[in-house]
Amino acid sequence: MPLSLEEVKRIAHLARLEISEAEAAQTLGQLNDIFRLIEQMQAVGTEGIEPMSHAQDVVMRLREDAVTESDQRARLQSVAPQVEAGLYLVPKVIE
């Protein structure tokens, strides 16, 4: 379903875009090319084809779920202005 020049101008107006005649004509050609490509893609039979999560057959490399850093909680809280029961206390900012 190709668009007309008036429809392109109307879409530009609705999107609050200022568009010249030359830009409207160029945009019309580009949009109609996109619509033709979509029609070609929709014409392809996809019955029996399983959907893919990725365009390429890739496998995510998984790493071992292991702790790699030491516990630095006590050291970090020792330099905090105020700490209570292992929590950082901050000033109230919203009343």
Protein backbone atom coordinates (compact mmCIF):
# COMPACT_ATOMS: atom_id res chain seq x y z
CA MET A 1 0.00 0.00 0.00
CA PRO A 2 2.01 2.99 -1.21
CA LEU A 3 1.61 6.35 0.47
CA SER A 4 0.74 9.56 -1.33
CA LEU A 5 2.56 12.87 -1.02
CA GLU A 6 -0.42 14.34 0.85
CA GLU A 7 -0.27 11.53 3.41
CA VAL A 8 3.44 12.15 4.02
CA LYS A 9 2.73 15.85 4.58
CA ARG A 10 -0.14 14.99 6.93
CA ILE A 11 2.08 12.62 8.94
CA ALA A 12 4.76 15.31 9.15
CA HIS A 13 2.14 17.81 10.34
CA LEU A 14 0.86 15.39 13.00
CA ALA A 15 4.45 14.85 14.16
CA ARG A 16 4.90 18.63 14.25
CA LEU A 17 7.71 18.44 11.66
CA GLU A 18 8.31 21.16 9.12
CA ILE A 19 8.97 19.53 5.77
CA SER A 20 9.63 21.07 2.35
CA GLU A 21 8.22 19.74 -0.92
CA ALA A 22 11.60 18.21 -1.83
CA GLU A 23 11.95 16.54 1.58
CA ALA A 24 8.38 15.24 1.40
CA ALA A 25 9.03 13.74 -2.03
CA GLN A 26 12.28 12.12 -0.85
CA THR A 27 10.60 10.80 2.31
CA LEU A 28 7.72 9.46 0.22
CA GLY A 29 10.16 7.40 -1.88
CA GLN A 30 11.97 6.09 1.20
CA LEU A 31 8.76 5.13 3.01
CA ASN A 32 7.36 3.40 -0.06
CA ASP A 33 10.62 1.44 -0.40
CA ILE A 34 10.28 0.34 3.23
CA PHE A 35 6.67 -0.72 2.68
CA ARG A 36 7.69 -2.74 -0.41
CA LEU A 37 10.38 -4.51 1.62
CA ILE A 38 7.83 -5.32 4.34
CA GLU A 39 5.46 -6.75 1.73
CA GLN A 40 8.27 -8.94 0.37
CA MET A 41 9.10 -10.17 3.86
CA GLN A 42 5.45 -10.94 4.61
CA ALA A 43 5.22 -12.98 1.40
CA VAL A 44 7.82 -15.45 2.67
CA GLY A 45 6.27 -18.66 4.01
CA THR A 46 7.25 -19.24 7.62
CA GLU A 47 5.00 -22.17 8.47
CA GLY A 48 6.84 -24.81 10.48
CA ILE A 49 9.79 -22.55 11.27
CA GLU A 50 10.60 -22.29 14.94
CA PRO A 51 11.15 -18.74 16.25
CA MET A 52 14.70 -17.85 17.21
CA SER A 53 15.90 -15.71 20.09
CA HIS A 54 18.84 -14.47 18.02
CA ALA A 55 19.60 -14.18 14.32
CA GLN A 56 22.76 -16.24 14.72
CA ASP A 57 23.08 -19.58 16.46
CA VAL A 58 25.13 -18.37 19.42
CA VAL A 59 25.55 -19.85 22.85
CA MET A 60 26.19 -17.70 25.91
CA ARG A 61 29.36 -18.66 27.72
CA LEU A 62 28.54 -19.20 31.35
CA ARG A 63 31.01 -18.72 34.16
CA GLU A 64 30.99 -20.46 37.48
CA ASP A 65 28.84 -18.63 40.03
CA ALA A 66 31.50 -18.06 42.65
CA VAL A 67 32.44 -15.22 44.99
CA THR A 68 35.47 -13.43 43.58
CA GLU A 69 35.78 -10.48 45.96
CA SER A 70 36.40 -10.36 49.68
CA ASP A 71 33.92 -8.95 52.20
CA GLN A 72 34.90 -5.30 52.77
CA ARG A 73 31.77 -4.21 54.61
CA ALA A 74 33.45 -3.46 57.94
CA ARG A 75 36.26 -1.47 56.28
CA LEU A 76 33.84 0.59 54.19
CA GLN A 77 31.51 1.28 57.11
CA SER A 78 34.42 2.34 59.31
CA VAL A 79 34.85 5.51 57.24
CA ALA A 80 31.11 6.30 56.99
CA PRO A 81 29.83 9.28 59.00
CA GLN A 82 27.00 7.31 60.62
CA VAL A 83 26.23 3.60 60.70
CA GLU A 84 23.63 1.70 62.68
CA ALA A 85 23.00 -2.05 62.67
CA GLY A 86 25.09 -2.45 59.52
CA LEU A 87 23.18 0.27 57.62
CA TYR A 88 24.40 3.65 56.42
CA LEU A 89 22.45 6.54 58.00
CA VAL A 90 21.82 9.52 55.75
CA PRO A 91 20.15 12.87 56.48
CA LYS A 92 16.46 13.20 55.74
CA VAL A 93 16.06 15.12 52.49
CA ILE A 94 12.26 15.00 51.98
CA GLU A 95 9.97 16.36 54.65
